[in-house]
All heavy atoms as atom14 arrays in JSON, in Angstrom:
{
  "sequence": "VSTGRRWFRLGNVVHAMQATQQSIHATDLVPRLCLTLANLNRV",
  "atom14_mask": [
    [1, 1, 1, 1, 1, 1, 1, 0, 0, 0, 0, 0, 0, 0],
    [1, 1, 1, 1, 1, 1, 0, 0, 0, 0, 0, 0, 0, 0],
    [1, 1, 1, 1, 1, 1, 1, 0, 0, 0, 0, 0, 0, 0],
    [1, 1, 1, 1, 0, 0, 0, 0, 0, 0, 0, 0, 0, 0],
    [1, 1, 1, 1, 1, 1, 1, 1, 1, 1, 1, 0, 0, 0],
    [1, 1, 1, 1, 1, 1, 1, 1, 1, 1, 1, 0, 0, 0],
    [1, 1, 1, 1, 1, 1, 1, 1, 1, 1, 1, 1, 1, 1],
    [1, 1, 1, 1, 1, 1, 1, 1, 1, 1, 1, 0, 0, 0],
    [1, 1, 1, 1, 1, 1, 1, 1, 1, 1, 1, 0, 0, 0],
    [1, 1, 1, 1, 1, 1, 1, 1, 0, 0, 0, 0, 0, 0],
    [1, 1, 1, 1, 0, 0, 0, 0, 0, 0, 0, 0, 0, 0],
    [1, 1, 1, 1, 1, 1, 1, 1, 0, 0, 0, 0, 0, 0],
    [1, 1, 1, 1, 1, 1, 1, 0, 0, 0, 0, 0, 0, 0],
    [1, 1, 1, 1, 1, 1, 1, 0, 0, 0, 0, 0, 0, 0],
    [1, 1, 1, 1, 1, 1, 1, 1, 1, 1, 0, 0, 0, 0],
    [1, 1, 1, 1, 1, 0, 0, 0, 0, 0, 0, 0, 0, 0],
    [1, 1, 1, 1, 1, 1, 1, 1, 0, 0, 0, 0, 0, 0],
    [1, 1, 1, 1, 1, 1, 1, 1, 1, 0, 0, 0, 0, 0],
    [1, 1, 1, 1, 1, 0, 0, 0, 0, 0, 0, 0, 0, 0],
    [1, 1, 1, 1, 1, 1, 1, 0, 0, 0, 0, 0, 0, 0],
    [1, 1, 1, 1, 1, 1, 1, 1, 1, 0, 0, 0, 0, 0],
    [1, 1, 1, 1, 1, 1, 1, 1, 1, 0, 0, 0, 0, 0],
    [1, 1, 1, 1, 1, 1, 0, 0, 0, 0, 0, 0, 0, 0],
    [1, 1, 1, 1, 1, 1, 1, 1, 0, 0, 0, 0, 0, 0],
    [1, 1, 1, 1, 1, 1, 1, 1, 1, 1, 0, 0, 0, 0],
    [1, 1, 1, 1, 1, 0, 0, 0, 0, 0, 0, 0, 0, 0],
    [1, 1, 1, 1, 1, 1, 1, 0, 0, 0, 0, 0, 0, 0],
    [1, 1, 1, 1, 1, 1, 1, 1, 0, 0, 0, 0, 0, 0],
    [1, 1, 1, 1, 1, 1, 1, 1, 0, 0, 0, 0, 0, 0],
    [1, 1, 1, 1, 1, 1, 1, 0, 0, 0, 0, 0, 0, 0],
    [1, 1, 1, 1, 1, 1, 1, 0, 0, 0, 0, 0, 0, 0],
    [1, 1, 1, 1, 1, 1, 1, 1, 1, 1, 1, 0, 0, 0],
    [1, 1, 1, 1, 1, 1, 1, 1, 0, 0, 0, 0, 0, 0],
    [1, 1, 1, 1, 1, 1, 0, 0, 0, 0, 0, 0, 0, 0],
    [1, 1, 1, 1, 1, 1, 1, 1, 0, 0, 0, 0, 0, 0],
    [1, 1, 1, 1, 1, 1, 1, 0, 0, 0, 0, 0, 0, 0],
    [1, 1, 1, 1, 1, 1, 1, 1, 0, 0, 0, 0, 0, 0],
    [1, 1, 1, 1, 1, 0, 0, 0, 0, 0, 0, 0, 0, 0],
    [1, 1, 1, 1, 1, 1, 1, 1, 0, 0, 0, 0, 0, 0],
    [1, 1, 1, 1, 1, 1, 1, 1, 0, 0, 0, 0, 0, 0],
    [1, 1, 1, 1, 1, 1, 1, 1, 0, 0, 0, 0, 0, 0],
    [1, 1, 1, 1, 1, 1, 1, 1, 1, 1, 1, 0, 0, 0],
    [1, 1, 1, 1, 1, 1, 1, 0, 0, 0, 0, 0, 0, 0]
  ],
  "atom14_positions": [
    [[-78.83, -74.63, 117.27], [-79.29, -73.27, 116.75], [-80.24, -72.65, 117.83], [-80.1, -71.44, 118.05], [-79.82, -73.3, 115.4], [-80.44, -71.95, 115.02], [-78.81, -73.81, 114.36], [0.0, 0.0, 0.0], [0.0, 0.0, 0.0], [0.0, 0.0, 0.0], [0.0, 0.0, 0.0], [0.0, 0.0, 0.0], [0.0, 0.0, 0.0], [0.0, 0.0, 0.0]],
    [[-81.2, -73.43, 118.32], [-82.05, -72.9, 119.28], [-81.38, -72.4, 120.58], [-81.78, -71.36, 120.99], [-83.18, -74.0, 119.64], [-84.01, -73.59, 120.65], [0.0, 0.0, 0.0], [0.0, 0.0, 0.0], [0.0, 0.0, 0.0], [0.0, 0.0, 0.0], [0.0, 0.0, 0.0], [0.0, 0.0, 0.0], [0.0, 0.0, 0.0], [0.0, 0.0, 0.0]],
    [[-80.37, -73.21, 120.99], [-79.66, -72.74, 122.24], [-78.8, -71.47, 121.89], [-78.78, -70.63, 122.73], [-78.71, -73.89, 122.59], [-79.4, -74.99, 122.88], [-77.85, -73.5, 123.83], [0.0, 0.0, 0.0], [0.0, 0.0, 0.0], [0.0, 0.0, 0.0], [0.0, 0.0, 0.0], [0.0, 0.0, 0.0], [0.0, 0.0, 0.0], [0.0, 0.0, 0.0]],
    [[-78.27, -71.34, 120.67], [-77.51, -70.26, 120.3], [-78.38, -69.03, 120.22], [-77.89, -67.86, 120.57], [0.0, 0.0, 0.0], [0.0, 0.0, 0.0], [0.0, 0.0, 0.0], [0.0, 0.0, 0.0], [0.0, 0.0, 0.0], [0.0, 0.0, 0.0], [0.0, 0.0, 0.0], [0.0, 0.0, 0.0], [0.0, 0.0, 0.0], [0.0, 0.0, 0.0]],
    [[-79.63, -69.16, 119.78], [-80.42, -67.96, 119.68], [-80.77, -67.32, 120.99], [-81.02, -66.11, 121.14], [-81.87, -68.42, 119.07], [-81.76, -68.59, 117.53], [-83.11, -68.84, 116.91], [-83.94, -67.71, 117.15], [-85.23, -67.72, 117.54], [-85.81, -68.92, 117.78], [-85.89, -66.68, 117.65], [0.0, 0.0, 0.0], [0.0, 0.0, 0.0], [0.0, 0.0, 0.0]],
    [[-80.77, -68.21, 122.05], [-80.97, -67.61, 123.39], [-79.98, -66.62, 123.84], [-80.34, -65.69, 124.61], [-81.17, -68.69, 124.41], [-82.45, -69.46, 124.45], [-82.79, -70.19, 125.74], [-84.16, -70.57, 125.7], [-84.63, -71.82, 126.12], [-83.75, -72.73, 126.41], [-85.9, -71.99, 126.19], [0.0, 0.0, 0.0], [0.0, 0.0, 0.0], [0.0, 0.0, 0.0]],
    [[-78.76, -66.74, 123.37], [-77.75, -65.79, 123.65], [-78.1, -64.45, 123.05], [-77.85, -63.4, 123.63], [-76.38, -66.25, 123.16], [-75.81, -67.34, 123.96], [-75.97, -68.69, 123.74], [-74.94, -67.21, 125.16], [-75.16, -69.36, 124.73], [-74.68, -68.48, 125.62], [-74.5, -66.01, 125.91], [-73.77, -68.67, 126.7], [-73.68, -66.36, 127.02], [-73.45, -67.59, 127.43]],
    [[-78.64, -64.47, 121.81], [-78.98, -63.21, 121.13], [-80.16, -62.55, 121.87], [-80.35, -61.34, 121.74], [-79.36, -63.58, 119.65], [-78.18, -63.98, 118.82], [-78.41, -65.07, 117.98], [-76.94, -63.37, 118.89], [-77.42, -65.56, 117.25], [-75.96, -63.91, 118.18], [-76.16, -64.88, 117.29], [0.0, 0.0, 0.0], [0.0, 0.0, 0.0], [0.0, 0.0, 0.0]],
    [[-80.97, -63.31, 122.52], [-82.23, -62.79, 123.12], [-82.06, -62.25, 124.59], [-82.92, -61.74, 125.17], [-83.3, -63.85, 123.13], [-83.79, -64.3, 121.79], [-85.16, -64.89, 121.86], [-85.32, -66.06, 122.6], [-85.18, -67.35, 122.2], [-84.99, -67.55, 120.99], [-85.22, -68.31, 123.14], [0.0, 0.0, 0.0], [0.0, 0.0, 0.0], [0.0, 0.0, 0.0]],
    [[-80.84, -62.48, 125.09], [-80.67, -62.06, 126.52], [-80.89, -60.57, 126.76], [-81.34, -60.16, 127.78], [-79.19, -62.37, 126.9], [-78.9, -63.93, 127.1], [-77.36, -64.1, 127.58], [-79.78, -64.49, 128.23], [0.0, 0.0, 0.0], [0.0, 0.0, 0.0], [0.0, 0.0, 0.0], [0.0, 0.0, 0.0], [0.0, 0.0, 0.0], [0.0, 0.0, 0.0]],
    [[-80.5, -59.68, 125.84], [-80.74, -58.29, 126.0], [-82.11, -57.76, 125.59], [-82.34, -56.57, 125.58], [0.0, 0.0, 0.0], [0.0, 0.0, 0.0], [0.0, 0.0, 0.0], [0.0, 0.0, 0.0], [0.0, 0.0, 0.0], [0.0, 0.0, 0.0], [0.0, 0.0, 0.0], [0.0, 0.0, 0.0], [0.0, 0.0, 0.0], [0.0, 0.0, 0.0]],
    [[-83.04, -58.66, 125.11], [-84.25, -58.26, 124.5], [-85.27, -57.64, 125.45], [-86.14, -56.98, 125.1], [-84.87, -59.4, 123.71], [-84.26, -59.61, 122.38], [-83.39, -58.84, 121.95], [-84.62, -60.74, 121.7], [0.0, 0.0, 0.0], [0.0, 0.0, 0.0], [0.0, 0.0, 0.0], [0.0, 0.0, 0.0], [0.0, 0.0, 0.0], [0.0, 0.0, 0.0]],
    [[-85.04, -57.95, 126.81], [-85.87, -57.39, 127.91], [-85.85, -55.84, 127.86], [-86.84, -55.18, 127.88], [-85.5, -57.96, 129.23], [-86.29, -57.28, 130.33], [-85.75, -59.42, 129.3], [0.0, 0.0, 0.0], [0.0, 0.0, 0.0], [0.0, 0.0, 0.0], [0.0, 0.0, 0.0], [0.0, 0.0, 0.0], [0.0, 0.0, 0.0], [0.0, 0.0, 0.0]],
    [[-84.59, -55.41, 127.7], [-84.37, -53.91, 127.69], [-85.01, -53.38, 126.39], [-85.62, -52.37, 126.46], [-82.87, -53.61, 127.77], [-82.64, -52.09, 127.58], [-82.3, -54.16, 128.97], [0.0, 0.0, 0.0], [0.0, 0.0, 0.0], [0.0, 0.0, 0.0], [0.0, 0.0, 0.0], [0.0, 0.0, 0.0], [0.0, 0.0, 0.0], [0.0, 0.0, 0.0]],
    [[-84.85, -54.04, 125.3], [-85.43, -53.6, 123.94], [-86.91, -53.53, 124.14], [-87.54, -52.59, 123.61], [-85.0, -54.42, 122.85], [-83.58, -54.33, 122.54], [-82.8, -53.15, 122.37], [-82.58, -55.36, 122.37], [-81.59, -53.45, 122.13], [-81.37, -54.75, 122.14], [0.0, 0.0, 0.0], [0.0, 0.0, 0.0], [0.0, 0.0, 0.0], [0.0, 0.0, 0.0]],
    [[-87.54, -54.55, 124.73], [-88.97, -54.59, 124.81], [-89.53, -53.51, 125.8], [-90.6, -52.93, 125.53], [-89.46, -55.97, 125.35], [0.0, 0.0, 0.0], [0.0, 0.0, 0.0], [0.0, 0.0, 0.0], [0.0, 0.0, 0.0], [0.0, 0.0, 0.0], [0.0, 0.0, 0.0], [0.0, 0.0, 0.0], [0.0, 0.0, 0.0], [0.0, 0.0, 0.0]],
    [[-88.7, -53.19, 126.81], [-89.04, -52.05, 127.71], [-89.05, -50.72, 126.89], [-89.85, -49.93, 127.14], [-88.19, -52.08, 128.93], [-88.4, -53.24, 129.97], [-87.22, -53.31, 131.23], [-87.75, -51.94, 132.15], [0.0, 0.0, 0.0], [0.0, 0.0, 0.0], [0.0, 0.0, 0.0], [0.0, 0.0, 0.0], [0.0, 0.0, 0.0], [0.0, 0.0, 0.0]],
    [[-87.97, -50.6, 126.13], [-87.93, -49.27, 125.37], [-89.01, -49.2, 124.36], [-89.6, -48.15, 124.16], [-86.51, -49.28, 124.64], [-85.33, -49.14, 125.57], [-84.04, -49.22, 124.81], [-83.97, -49.73, 123.67], [-82.98, -48.63, 125.35], [0.0, 0.0, 0.0], [0.0, 0.0, 0.0], [0.0, 0.0, 0.0], [0.0, 0.0, 0.0], [0.0, 0.0, 0.0]],
    [[-89.38, -50.35, 123.76], [-90.5, -50.33, 122.82], [-91.81, -49.98, 123.48], [-92.67, -49.36, 122.94], [-90.58, -51.69, 122.15], [0.0, 0.0, 0.0], [0.0, 0.0, 0.0], [0.0, 0.0, 0.0], [0.0, 0.0, 0.0], [0.0, 0.0, 0.0], [0.0, 0.0, 0.0], [0.0, 0.0, 0.0], [0.0, 0.0, 0.0], [0.0, 0.0, 0.0]],
    [[-92.0, -50.53, 124.77], [-93.22, -50.05, 125.54], [-93.26, -48.66, 125.78], [-94.37, -47.99, 125.65], [-93.12, -50.85, 126.91], [-93.02, -52.26, 126.61], [-94.4, -50.57, 127.66], [0.0, 0.0, 0.0], [0.0, 0.0, 0.0], [0.0, 0.0, 0.0], [0.0, 0.0, 0.0], [0.0, 0.0, 0.0], [0.0, 0.0, 0.0], [0.0, 0.0, 0.0]],
    [[-92.2, -48.03, 126.14], [-92.1, -46.63, 126.4], [-92.4, -45.75, 125.08], [-93.15, -44.78, 125.14], [-90.76, -46.15, 126.86], [-90.35, -46.66, 128.3], [-89.05, -46.3, 128.66], [-88.2, -46.08, 127.89], [-88.82, -46.18, 129.97], [0.0, 0.0, 0.0], [0.0, 0.0, 0.0], [0.0, 0.0, 0.0], [0.0, 0.0, 0.0], [0.0, 0.0, 0.0]],
    [[-91.94, -46.28, 123.96], [-92.24, -45.59, 122.62], [-93.76, -45.8, 122.24], [-94.34, -44.86, 121.77], [-91.36, -46.21, 121.53], [-89.92, -45.88, 121.82], [-88.99, -46.61, 120.79], [-89.47, -47.36, 119.95], [-87.65, -46.34, 120.77], [0.0, 0.0, 0.0], [0.0, 0.0, 0.0], [0.0, 0.0, 0.0], [0.0, 0.0, 0.0], [0.0, 0.0, 0.0]],
    [[-94.33, -46.99, 122.42], [-95.69, -47.17, 122.06], [-96.72, -46.43, 122.89], [-97.79, -46.12, 122.42], [-95.97, -48.72, 122.13], [-95.86, -49.2, 123.47], [0.0, 0.0, 0.0], [0.0, 0.0, 0.0], [0.0, 0.0, 0.0], [0.0, 0.0, 0.0], [0.0, 0.0, 0.0], [0.0, 0.0, 0.0], [0.0, 0.0, 0.0], [0.0, 0.0, 0.0]],
    [[-96.35, -45.95, 124.03], [-97.17, -45.16, 124.9], [-97.5, -43.85, 124.24], [-98.56, -43.26, 124.4], [-96.58, -45.01, 126.35], [-96.55, -46.31, 127.1], [-97.39, -43.95, 127.1], [-95.87, -46.2, 128.44], [0.0, 0.0, 0.0], [0.0, 0.0, 0.0], [0.0, 0.0, 0.0], [0.0, 0.0, 0.0], [0.0, 0.0, 0.0], [0.0, 0.0, 0.0]],
    [[-96.57, -43.42, 123.34], [-96.75, -42.13, 122.75], [-97.32, -42.12, 121.36], [-97.31, -41.22, 120.63], [-95.36, -41.44, 122.62], [-94.66, -41.21, 123.96], [-95.18, -40.29, 124.93], [-93.65, -41.76, 124.58], [-94.36, -40.28, 125.92], [-93.5, -41.22, 125.75], [0.0, 0.0, 0.0], [0.0, 0.0, 0.0], [0.0, 0.0, 0.0], [0.0, 0.0, 0.0]],
    [[-97.84, -43.37, 120.96], [-98.54, -43.44, 119.72], [-99.73, -42.53, 119.64], [-100.49, -42.38, 120.62], [-98.92, -44.9, 119.56], [0.0, 0.0, 0.0], [0.0, 0.0, 0.0], [0.0, 0.0, 0.0], [0.0, 0.0, 0.0], [0.0, 0.0, 0.0], [0.0, 0.0, 0.0], [0.0, 0.0, 0.0], [0.0, 0.0, 0.0], [0.0, 0.0, 0.0]],
    [[-100.01, -41.89, 118.52], [-101.02, -40.83, 118.41], [-102.46, -41.56, 118.36], [-103.36, -41.05, 118.87], [-100.76, -40.09, 117.1], [-100.66, -41.02, 116.01], [-99.51, -39.24, 117.21], [0.0, 0.0, 0.0], [0.0, 0.0, 0.0], [0.0, 0.0, 0.0], [0.0, 0.0, 0.0], [0.0, 0.0, 0.0], [0.0, 0.0, 0.0], [0.0, 0.0, 0.0]],
    [[-102.54, -42.71, 117.66], [-103.81, -43.34, 117.64], [-104.12, -44.32, 118.89], [-103.09, -45.04, 119.29], [-103.9, -44.18, 116.31], [-105.32, -44.46, 115.85], [-106.14, -44.43, 116.76], [-105.53, -44.65, 114.68], [0.0, 0.0, 0.0], [0.0, 0.0, 0.0], [0.0, 0.0, 0.0], [0.0, 0.0, 0.0], [0.0, 0.0, 0.0], [0.0, 0.0, 0.0]],
    [[-105.2, -44.24, 119.38], [-105.65, -44.95, 120.63], [-105.39, -46.41, 120.49], [-104.81, -47.08, 121.36], [-107.0, -44.57, 121.07], [-107.54, -45.4, 122.26], [-106.7, -45.11, 123.54], [-108.97, -45.11, 122.52], [0.0, 0.0, 0.0], [0.0, 0.0, 0.0], [0.0, 0.0, 0.0], [0.0, 0.0, 0.0], [0.0, 0.0, 0.0], [0.0, 0.0, 0.0]],
    [[-105.96, -47.02, 119.31], [-105.94, -48.53, 119.22], [-104.46, -49.05, 119.15], [-104.21, -49.94, 119.9], [-106.75, -48.93, 118.02], [-106.62, -50.43, 117.81], [-108.17, -48.6, 118.24], [0.0, 0.0, 0.0], [0.0, 0.0, 0.0], [0.0, 0.0, 0.0], [0.0, 0.0, 0.0], [0.0, 0.0, 0.0], [0.0, 0.0, 0.0], [0.0, 0.0, 0.0]],
    [[-103.65, -48.56, 118.23], [-102.26, -48.96, 118.19], [-101.55, -48.71, 119.52], [-100.78, -49.63, 120.0], [-101.59, -48.17, 117.08], [-102.75, -47.81, 116.22], [-103.93, -47.55, 117.12], [0.0, 0.0, 0.0], [0.0, 0.0, 0.0], [0.0, 0.0, 0.0], [0.0, 0.0, 0.0], [0.0, 0.0, 0.0], [0.0, 0.0, 0.0], [0.0, 0.0, 0.0]],
    [[-101.84, -47.59, 120.17], [-101.14, -47.28, 121.48], [-101.55, -48.34, 122.54], [-100.57, -48.86, 123.1], [-101.68, -45.91, 121.96], [-100.98, -45.52, 123.3], [-101.17, -44.07, 123.57], [-102.54, -43.64, 123.91], [-103.25, -42.88, 123.06], [-102.75, -42.34, 122.09], [-104.43, -42.55, 123.51], [0.0, 0.0, 0.0], [0.0, 0.0, 0.0], [0.0, 0.0, 0.0]],
    [[-102.83, -48.66, 122.68], [-103.26, -49.69, 123.57], [-102.67, -51.06, 123.29], [-102.07, -51.72, 124.11], [-104.65, -49.68, 123.73], [-105.42, -50.61, 124.72], [-104.97, -50.15, 126.12], [-106.86, -50.62, 124.58], [0.0, 0.0, 0.0], [0.0, 0.0, 0.0], [0.0, 0.0, 0.0], [0.0, 0.0, 0.0], [0.0, 0.0, 0.0], [0.0, 0.0, 0.0]],
    [[-102.92, -51.51, 122.0], [-102.41, -52.81, 121.52], [-100.87, -53.0, 121.74], [-100.48, -54.07, 122.2], [-102.89, -53.08, 120.14], [-104.69, -53.34, 119.9], [0.0, 0.0, 0.0], [0.0, 0.0, 0.0], [0.0, 0.0, 0.0], [0.0, 0.0, 0.0], [0.0, 0.0, 0.0], [0.0, 0.0, 0.0], [0.0, 0.0, 0.0], [0.0, 0.0, 0.0]],
    [[-100.12, -52.03, 121.18], [-98.69, -52.17, 121.23], [-98.05, -52.18, 122.56], [-97.2, -52.86, 122.92], [-98.05, -51.12, 120.36], [-98.31, -51.25, 118.84], [-97.7, -50.2, 118.09], [-97.66, -52.68, 118.32], [0.0, 0.0, 0.0], [0.0, 0.0, 0.0], [0.0, 0.0, 0.0], [0.0, 0.0, 0.0], [0.0, 0.0, 0.0], [0.0, 0.0, 0.0]],
    [[-98.65, -51.25, 123.41], [-98.23, -51.03, 124.86], [-98.41, -52.41, 125.59], [-97.45, -52.98, 126.27], [-98.9, -50.0, 125.6], [-98.66, -48.76, 124.84], [-98.41, -49.9, 127.0], [0.0, 0.0, 0.0], [0.0, 0.0, 0.0], [0.0, 0.0, 0.0], [0.0, 0.0, 0.0], [0.0, 0.0, 0.0], [0.0, 0.0, 0.0], [0.0, 0.0, 0.0]],
    [[-99.6, -52.99, 125.45], [-99.85, -54.32, 126.15], [-99.11, -55.43, 125.61], [-98.55, -56.25, 126.17], [-101.44, -54.63, 126.07], [-102.27, -53.65, 126.82], [-103.75, -54.05, 126.6], [-102.0, -53.79, 128.34], [0.0, 0.0, 0.0], [0.0, 0.0, 0.0], [0.0, 0.0, 0.0], [0.0, 0.0, 0.0], [0.0, 0.0, 0.0], [0.0, 0.0, 0.0]],
    [[-98.94, -55.38, 124.21], [-98.12, -56.4, 123.56], [-96.65, -56.4, 123.96], [-96.04, -57.39, 124.24], [-98.18, -56.24, 121.97], [0.0, 0.0, 0.0], [0.0, 0.0, 0.0], [0.0, 0.0, 0.0], [0.0, 0.0, 0.0], [0.0, 0.0, 0.0], [0.0, 0.0, 0.0], [0.0, 0.0, 0.0], [0.0, 0.0, 0.0], [0.0, 0.0, 0.0]],
    [[-96.13, -55.18, 124.11], [-94.73, -55.01, 124.5], [-94.53, -55.41, 125.97], [-93.47, -55.96, 126.39], [-94.23, -53.62, 124.26], [-93.95, -53.38, 122.79], [-93.48, -54.11, 122.02], [-94.35, -52.15, 122.33], [0.0, 0.0, 0.0], [0.0, 0.0, 0.0], [0.0, 0.0, 0.0], [0.0, 0.0, 0.0], [0.0, 0.0, 0.0], [0.0, 0.0, 0.0]],
    [[-95.49, -55.19, 126.8], [-95.42, -55.53, 128.18], [-95.39, -56.99, 128.23], [-94.69, -57.57, 129.02], [-96.61, -54.95, 128.99], [-96.54, -53.47, 129.38], [-97.94, -52.99, 130.01], [-95.42, -53.25, 130.25], [0.0, 0.0, 0.0], [0.0, 0.0, 0.0], [0.0, 0.0, 0.0], [0.0, 0.0, 0.0], [0.0, 0.0, 0.0], [0.0, 0.0, 0.0]],
    [[-96.23, -57.68, 127.49], [-96.21, -59.2, 127.51], [-94.9, -59.7, 126.86], [-94.43, -60.78, 127.33], [-97.31, -59.7, 126.6], [-98.61, -59.78, 127.43], [-98.88, -60.78, 128.23], [-99.51, -58.78, 127.21], [0.0, 0.0, 0.0], [0.0, 0.0, 0.0], [0.0, 0.0, 0.0], [0.0, 0.0, 0.0], [0.0, 0.0, 0.0], [0.0, 0.0, 0.0]],
    [[-94.25, -58.97, 125.96], [-92.98, -59.34, 125.45], [-91.92, -59.26, 126.57], [-90.99, -60.06, 126.6], [-92.54, -58.49, 124.27], [-93.33, -58.93, 122.97], [-93.01, -57.97, 121.81], [-91.58, -58.01, 121.58], [-90.98, -58.85, 120.75], [-91.67, -59.85, 120.22], [-89.75, -58.8, 120.52], [0.0, 0.0, 0.0], [0.0, 0.0, 0.0], [0.0, 0.0, 0.0]],
    [[-91.99, -58.21, 127.42], [-91.1, -58.11, 128.53], [-91.15, -59.29, 129.39], [-90.14, -59.96, 129.83], [-91.38, -56.81, 129.4], [-90.58, -56.82, 130.64], [-91.09, -55.55, 128.59], [0.0, 0.0, 0.0], [0.0, 0.0, 0.0], [0.0, 0.0, 0.0], [0.0, 0.0, 0.0], [0.0, 0.0, 0.0], [0.0, 0.0, 0.0], [0.0, 0.0, 0.0]]
  ]
}
């Protein structure tokens, strides 16, 4: 199952990059900073 899950995660780099772009536009400073850095680490 662990090996199979890696197939599902192959495209997650793109999703994490898109999430980073979206979090940059967060209205509140703290969520914007935390989520942007978190998503960069996810990439």
